[in-house]
Amino acid sequence: METLRNLDEKIVSAIEKVRVLKEEKASLEKKVRDLEALLNEKNMEIEGLRAEKSSVKGQIEELLNELESIDL
């Protein structure tokens, strides 16, 4: 009888551990999705800044070329 009670306690404990692990897994999966979304957002910001940098660089080069032509 004691062995049966012991086994029952172990089964209940194992079921509780599985439940907790499933909750932790779901929480971690949500965190991963949130971080992936944030990473995608930051990557888009970086691409936008790169495009803006390229545009500003082009404008500066045009202005420098105009200045050089005026000196002639």
N, C-alpha and C. Protein backbone atom coordinates (compact mmCIF):
# COMPACT_ATOMS: atom_id res chain seq x y z
N MET A 1 0.82 -1.20 0.00
CA MET A 1 0.00 0.00 0.00
C MET A 1 0.87 1.27 0.00
N GLU A 2 1.92 1.24 0.79
CA GLU A 2 2.85 2.38 0.85
C GLU A 2 3.50 2.60 -0.52
N THR A 3 3.84 1.53 -1.21
CA THR A 3 4.46 1.62 -2.53
C THR A 3 3.51 2.27 -3.53
N LEU A 4 2.25 1.92 -3.43
CA LEU A 4 1.24 2.50 -4.31
C LEU A 4 1.08 4.00 -4.05
N ARG A 5 1.09 4.39 -2.80
CA ARG A 5 0.99 5.80 -2.44
C ARG A 5 2.22 6.56 -2.93
N ASN A 6 3.37 5.94 -2.78
CA ASN A 6 4.62 6.53 -3.25
C ASN A 6 4.59 6.75 -4.76
N LEU A 7 4.11 5.73 -5.46
CA LEU A 7 4.01 5.82 -6.92
C LEU A 7 3.03 6.90 -7.32
N ASP A 8 1.92 7.00 -6.63
CA ASP A 8 0.91 8.02 -6.90
C ASP A 8 1.51 9.42 -6.71
N GLU A 9 2.26 9.62 -5.65
CA GLU A 9 2.89 10.92 -5.38
C GLU A 9 3.89 11.27 -6.49
N LYS A 10 4.64 10.27 -6.94
CA LYS A 10 5.61 10.52 -8.00
C LYS A 10 4.90 10.88 -9.30
N ILE A 11 3.79 10.23 -9.58
CA ILE A 11 3.03 10.53 -10.80
C ILE A 11 2.47 11.94 -10.73
N VAL A 12 1.90 12.30 -9.59
CA VAL A 12 1.35 13.65 -9.41
C VAL A 12 2.47 14.68 -9.57
N SER A 13 3.61 14.41 -8.97
CA SER A 13 4.75 15.32 -9.07
C SER A 13 5.21 15.45 -10.52
N ALA A 14 5.27 14.34 -11.23
CA ALA A 14 5.70 14.36 -12.64
C ALA A 14 4.71 15.14 -13.49
N ILE A 15 3.43 14.96 -13.24
CA ILE A 15 2.40 15.69 -13.99
C ILE A 15 2.53 17.18 -13.73
N GLU A 16 2.78 17.57 -12.50
CA GLU A 16 2.94 18.99 -12.16
C GLU A 16 4.19 19.57 -12.85
N LYS A 17 5.27 18.81 -12.85
CA LYS A 17 6.49 19.27 -13.52
C LYS A 17 6.26 19.46 -15.02
N VAL A 18 5.53 18.54 -15.63
CA VAL A 18 5.22 18.65 -17.06
C VAL A 18 4.39 19.90 -17.32
N ARG A 19 3.40 20.16 -16.44
CA ARG A 19 2.57 21.35 -16.59
C ARG A 19 3.41 22.63 -16.50
N VAL A 20 4.27 22.68 -15.50
CA VAL A 20 5.13 23.85 -15.32
C VAL A 20 6.06 24.03 -16.51
N LEU A 21 6.63 22.93 -16.99
CA LEU A 21 7.53 23.01 -18.14
C LEU A 21 6.80 23.48 -19.39
N LYS A 22 5.57 23.03 -19.58
CA LYS A 22 4.78 23.49 -20.73
C LYS A 22 4.52 24.98 -20.66
N GLU A 23 4.20 25.47 -19.45
CA GLU A 23 3.98 26.91 -19.27
C GLU A 23 5.26 27.69 -19.56
N GLU A 24 6.38 27.20 -19.05
CA GLU A 24 7.66 27.87 -19.29
C GLU A 24 7.99 27.87 -20.78
N LYS A 25 7.72 26.76 -21.45
CA LYS A 25 7.98 26.66 -22.89
C LYS A 25 7.15 27.69 -23.64
N ALA A 26 5.86 27.78 -23.31
CA ALA A 26 4.99 28.75 -23.97
C ALA A 26 5.48 30.17 -23.73
N SER A 27 5.89 30.45 -22.51
CA SER A 27 6.40 31.78 -22.17
C SER A 27 7.67 32.09 -22.96
N LEU A 28 8.57 31.13 -23.03
CA LEU A 28 9.82 31.33 -23.77
C LEU A 28 9.58 31.48 -25.27
N GLU A 29 8.62 30.71 -25.80
CA GLU A 29 8.30 30.85 -27.22
C GLU A 29 7.75 32.23 -27.52
N LYS A 30 6.92 32.77 -26.61
CA LYS A 30 6.40 34.13 -26.80
C LYS A 30 7.53 35.15 -26.75
N LYS A 31 8.45 34.97 -25.82
CA LYS A 31 9.60 35.88 -25.73
C LYS A 31 10.42 35.83 -27.01
N VAL A 32 10.60 34.64 -27.57
CA VAL A 32 11.36 34.50 -28.81
C VAL A 32 10.64 35.24 -29.93
N ARG A 33 9.32 35.05 -30.03
CA ARG A 33 8.56 35.76 -31.08
C ARG A 33 8.66 37.27 -30.90
N ASP A 34 8.53 37.73 -29.66
CA ASP A 34 8.64 39.17 -29.40
C ASP A 34 10.01 39.71 -29.77
N LEU A 35 11.06 38.96 -29.42
CA LEU A 35 12.42 39.40 -29.73
C LEU A 35 12.69 39.36 -31.23
N GLU A 36 12.12 38.37 -31.92
CA GLU A 36 12.28 38.31 -33.37
C GLU A 36 11.59 39.49 -34.03
N ALA A 37 10.42 39.86 -33.53
CA ALA A 37 9.71 41.03 -34.07
C ALA A 37 10.52 42.30 -33.82
N LEU A 38 11.07 42.42 -32.63
CA LEU A 38 11.89 43.59 -32.32
C LEU A 38 13.14 43.63 -33.19
N LEU A 39 13.76 42.48 -33.40
CA LEU A 39 14.94 42.41 -34.25
C LEU A 39 14.60 42.82 -35.69
N ASN A 40 13.47 42.36 -36.19
CA ASN A 40 13.04 42.75 -37.55
C ASN A 40 12.81 44.25 -37.63
N GLU A 41 12.19 44.80 -36.58
CA GLU A 41 11.94 46.24 -36.54
C GLU A 41 13.26 47.01 -36.56
N LYS A 42 14.21 46.57 -35.76
CA LYS A 42 15.51 47.26 -35.69
C LYS A 42 16.26 47.12 -37.02
N ASN A 43 16.15 45.95 -37.65
CA ASN A 43 16.80 45.76 -38.95
C ASN A 43 16.22 46.71 -39.99
N MET A 44 14.90 46.90 -39.94
CA MET A 44 14.28 47.84 -40.89
C MET A 44 14.74 49.26 -40.60
N GLU A 45 14.87 49.60 -39.31
CA GLU A 45 15.38 50.93 -38.96
C GLU A 45 16.80 51.11 -39.49
N ILE A 46 17.62 50.11 -39.34
CA ILE A 46 19.01 50.17 -39.81
C ILE A 46 19.04 50.36 -41.32
N GLU A 47 18.20 49.61 -42.04
CA GLU A 47 18.15 49.76 -43.49
C GLU A 47 17.71 51.16 -43.88
N GLY A 48 16.73 51.70 -43.16
CA GLY A 48 16.29 53.07 -43.43
C GLY A 48 17.40 54.07 -43.19
N LEU A 49 18.15 53.88 -42.12
CA LEU A 49 19.26 54.79 -41.83
C LEU A 49 20.37 54.67 -42.87
N ARG A 50 20.60 53.46 -43.33
CA ARG A 50 21.61 53.27 -44.39
C ARG A 50 21.19 53.98 -45.67
N ALA A 51 19.92 53.86 -46.02
CA ALA A 51 19.42 54.54 -47.22
C ALA A 51 19.53 56.05 -47.06
N GLU A 52 19.18 56.53 -45.86
CA GLU A 52 19.29 57.97 -45.60
C GLU A 52 20.74 58.42 -45.66
N LYS A 53 21.63 57.65 -45.12
CA LYS A 53 23.06 57.97 -45.16
C LYS A 53 23.54 58.04 -46.60
N SER A 54 23.12 57.08 -47.40
CA SER A 54 23.53 57.05 -48.80
C SER A 54 23.01 58.28 -49.55
N SER A 55 21.76 58.65 -49.25
CA SER A 55 21.17 59.83 -49.89
C SER A 55 21.93 61.10 -49.50
N VAL A 56 22.21 61.25 -48.20
CA VAL A 56 22.94 62.43 -47.72
C VAL A 56 24.33 62.46 -48.33
N LYS A 57 24.96 61.30 -48.41
CA LYS A 57 26.30 61.24 -49.02
C LYS A 57 26.25 61.69 -50.48
N GLY A 58 25.23 61.24 -51.19
CA GLY A 58 25.08 61.65 -52.59
C GLY A 58 24.88 63.15 -52.71
N GLN A 59 24.06 63.72 -51.84
CA GLN A 59 23.82 65.16 -51.87
C GLN A 59 25.09 65.93 -51.57
N ILE A 60 25.86 65.46 -50.61
CA ILE A 60 27.12 66.14 -50.25
C ILE A 60 28.09 66.07 -51.43
N GLU A 61 28.16 64.90 -52.06
CA GLU A 61 29.05 64.77 -53.21
C GLU A 61 28.63 65.71 -54.33
N GLU A 62 27.32 65.85 -54.55
CA GLU A 62 26.83 66.78 -55.58
C GLU A 62 27.22 68.22 -55.23
N LEU A 63 27.05 68.58 -53.97
CA LEU A 63 27.40 69.94 -53.54
C LEU A 63 28.90 70.19 -53.68
N LEU A 64 29.71 69.19 -53.34
CA LEU A 64 31.16 69.35 -53.50
C LEU A 64 31.53 69.50 -54.96
N ASN A 65 30.88 68.75 -55.81
CA ASN A 65 31.14 68.87 -57.26
C ASN A 65 30.77 70.25 -57.76
N GLU A 66 29.65 70.77 -57.27
CA GLU A 66 29.24 72.12 -57.67
C GLU A 66 30.25 73.14 -57.19
N LEU A 67 30.74 72.99 -55.96
CA LEU A 67 31.73 73.91 -55.43
C LEU A 67 33.02 73.86 -56.25
N GLU A 68 33.42 72.66 -56.64
CA GLU A 68 34.62 72.52 -57.45
C GLU A 68 34.46 73.20 -58.82
N SER A 69 33.29 73.10 -59.39
CA SER A 69 33.07 73.73 -60.70
C SER A 69 33.04 75.24 -60.60
N ILE A 70 32.62 75.77 -59.46
CA ILE A 70 32.59 77.21 -59.28
C ILE A 70 34.02 77.74 -59.18
N ASP A 71 34.92 77.00 -58.54
CA ASP A 71 36.29 77.44 -58.37
C ASP A 71 37.01 77.55 -59.70
N LEU A 72 36.57 76.78 -60.68
CA LEU A 72 37.23 76.82 -61.98
C LEU A 72 36.91 78.09 -62.67
